[in-house]
N, C-alpha and C. Protein backbone atom coordinates (compact mmCIF):
# COMPACT_ATOMS: atom_id res chain seq x y z
N MET A 1 96.87 159.41 144.31
CA MET A 1 98.39 160.28 144.73
C MET A 1 97.65 162.28 144.19
N LYS A 2 98.56 163.27 144.50
CA LYS A 2 98.96 164.16 144.34
C LYS A 2 99.09 165.05 143.47
N GLY A 3 98.04 165.97 143.05
CA GLY A 3 99.89 166.86 142.13
C GLY A 3 99.17 168.92 142.68
N LYS A 4 100.32 169.35 142.20
CA LYS A 4 100.19 170.84 141.90
C LYS A 4 99.74 171.39 140.32
N LYS A 5 99.37 172.69 140.76
CA LYS A 5 99.29 173.31 138.55
C LYS A 5 98.73 174.30 139.67
N TYR A 6 99.20 174.73 138.55
CA TYR A 6 98.51 176.56 138.60
C TYR A 6 97.48 176.79 137.52
N ILE A 7 97.17 177.64 137.78
CA ILE A 7 95.52 178.06 137.33
C ILE A 7 95.96 179.46 137.45
N TYR A 8 95.15 180.71 136.17
CA TYR A 8 95.03 181.16 135.47
C TYR A 8 94.18 181.83 137.01
N ALA A 9 94.53 182.84 138.14
CA ALA A 9 93.58 184.30 138.56
C ALA A 9 93.04 184.77 137.73
N HIS A 10 93.24 185.64 137.18
CA HIS A 10 92.79 186.16 135.91
C HIS A 10 93.80 186.22 134.67
N LYS A 11 92.88 187.06 133.90
CA LYS A 11 94.14 187.27 132.50
C LYS A 11 95.55 188.73 132.74
N PHE A 12 96.40 188.41 132.51
CA PHE A 12 97.84 189.53 132.25
C PHE A 12 97.47 190.34 132.06
N GLU A 13 97.92 191.76 132.71
CA GLU A 13 97.74 192.81 132.01
C GLU A 13 99.37 192.88 131.94
N GLY A 14 99.58 193.62 131.30
CA GLY A 14 101.43 193.94 131.48
C GLY A 14 101.86 192.67 131.46
N MET A 15 103.15 192.80 132.42
CA MET A 15 104.10 191.72 132.41
C MET A 15 103.04 190.86 133.39
N PRO A 16 103.53 189.54 133.19
CA PRO A 16 102.91 188.61 134.54
C PRO A 16 102.94 189.14 136.12
N LYS A 17 102.39 188.51 136.62
CA LYS A 17 102.95 188.57 138.33
C LYS A 17 102.32 187.69 138.81
N LEU A 18 102.54 187.68 139.70
CA LEU A 18 102.70 186.03 141.18
C LEU A 18 100.69 186.44 141.24
N THR A 19 100.12 187.38 141.28
CA THR A 19 99.17 186.78 141.61
C THR A 19 98.14 187.09 140.88
N ASP A 20 99.09 186.51 139.10
CA ASP A 20 97.86 186.47 137.75
C ASP A 20 97.64 185.00 137.99
N LEU A 21 98.10 184.24 139.04
CA LEU A 21 98.36 182.57 138.47
C LEU A 21 98.04 182.37 140.28
N GLN A 22 97.69 181.22 140.31
CA GLN A 22 97.23 180.55 141.43
C GLN A 22 97.30 179.09 141.85
N LEU A 23 98.45 178.59 142.97
CA LEU A 23 98.62 176.90 142.77
C LEU A 23 98.05 176.15 143.18
N VAL A 24 97.68 174.94 142.66
CA VAL A 24 96.44 174.80 144.01
C VAL A 24 96.34 173.27 143.21
N GLU A 25 96.62 172.49 144.59
CA GLU A 25 96.98 171.00 144.89
C GLU A 25 94.82 170.04 143.91
N VAL A 26 95.44 168.60 143.37
CA VAL A 26 94.64 168.28 143.56
C VAL A 26 94.67 166.66 143.18
N GLU A 27 93.70 166.18 143.50
CA GLU A 27 93.68 164.45 143.22
C GLU A 27 94.18 164.16 141.77
N LEU A 28 95.52 163.07 141.21
CA LEU A 28 95.63 162.54 139.94
C LEU A 28 94.98 161.89 139.00
N PRO A 29 94.81 161.23 138.32
CA PRO A 29 94.20 160.18 137.96
C PRO A 29 95.25 158.62 137.70
N PRO A 30 94.23 157.77 138.08
CA PRO A 30 94.91 156.47 138.33
C PRO A 30 95.54 156.28 136.77
N VAL A 31 96.99 155.62 137.25
CA VAL A 31 97.87 155.36 135.70
C VAL A 31 97.88 154.19 135.43
N ASN A 32 97.73 154.17 134.16
CA ASN A 32 96.64 152.55 132.99
C ASN A 32 97.90 152.31 133.06
N ASP A 33 97.72 150.92 132.42
CA ASP A 33 99.19 150.21 131.78
C ASP A 33 98.65 150.94 130.87
N GLY A 34 100.20 151.20 129.89
CA GLY A 34 101.00 151.55 128.64
C GLY A 34 100.68 153.24 129.14
N GLU A 35 100.11 153.86 129.87
CA GLU A 35 100.57 155.48 130.29
C GLU A 35 101.61 155.87 131.59
N VAL A 36 102.62 157.01 131.44
CA VAL A 36 103.21 157.61 132.82
C VAL A 36 103.14 158.53 132.85
N LEU A 37 103.76 158.44 134.12
CA LEU A 37 103.71 159.75 134.69
C LEU A 37 104.76 160.52 134.47
N VAL A 38 105.03 162.16 134.27
CA VAL A 38 106.02 162.54 134.41
C VAL A 38 105.99 164.00 135.12
N GLU A 39 107.24 164.23 135.84
CA GLU A 39 107.24 165.93 136.38
C GLU A 39 107.83 166.40 135.43
N VAL A 40 107.12 167.61 135.20
CA VAL A 40 107.56 168.96 134.65
C VAL A 40 108.68 169.38 135.72
N GLU A 41 109.83 169.53 135.24
CA GLU A 41 111.06 170.39 136.37
C GLU A 41 111.18 172.05 135.44
N CYS A 42 110.67 171.87 134.31
CA CYS A 42 111.35 173.71 134.04
C CYS A 42 109.40 173.89 132.92
N LEU A 43 109.15 175.03 133.72
CA LEU A 43 108.34 175.62 132.55
C LEU A 43 108.63 177.50 132.22
N SER A 44 107.74 177.31 130.56
CA SER A 44 108.27 178.79 129.81
C SER A 44 107.21 178.98 129.46
N MET A 45 107.06 180.66 129.89
CA MET A 45 105.71 181.90 129.02
C MET A 45 106.42 182.68 128.77
N ASP A 46 106.51 182.22 126.97
CA ASP A 46 106.61 183.15 126.76
C ASP A 46 105.59 184.33 125.67
N PRO A 47 105.94 186.04 125.79
CA PRO A 47 105.25 186.15 125.31
C PRO A 47 103.95 186.11 124.77
N TYR A 48 104.84 185.66 123.48
CA TYR A 48 103.44 184.96 122.52
C TYR A 48 102.56 184.19 122.42
N MET A 49 102.91 183.41 123.49
CA MET A 49 101.83 182.40 123.90
C MET A 49 100.26 183.13 124.29
N ARG A 50 100.84 184.34 125.56
CA ARG A 50 99.30 184.89 125.62
C ARG A 50 98.25 184.81 124.12
N TYR A 51 98.70 184.63 123.35
CA TYR A 51 96.94 184.85 122.26
C TYR A 51 96.68 183.54 122.38
N TYR A 52 97.12 182.12 122.37
CA TYR A 52 96.59 181.81 122.14
C TYR A 52 95.79 181.08 123.25
């Protein structure tokens, strides 16, 4: 099974732009007994998060 994830293309300078992130397709590991696979429908990138 494949999934998609965003990775940092480079560190943000000022407001984040689409060019600061890169969408890549990855192979997901198998889901084992007792595990669940979830889909993120909403993601927030708040200003305070850039320091972590």
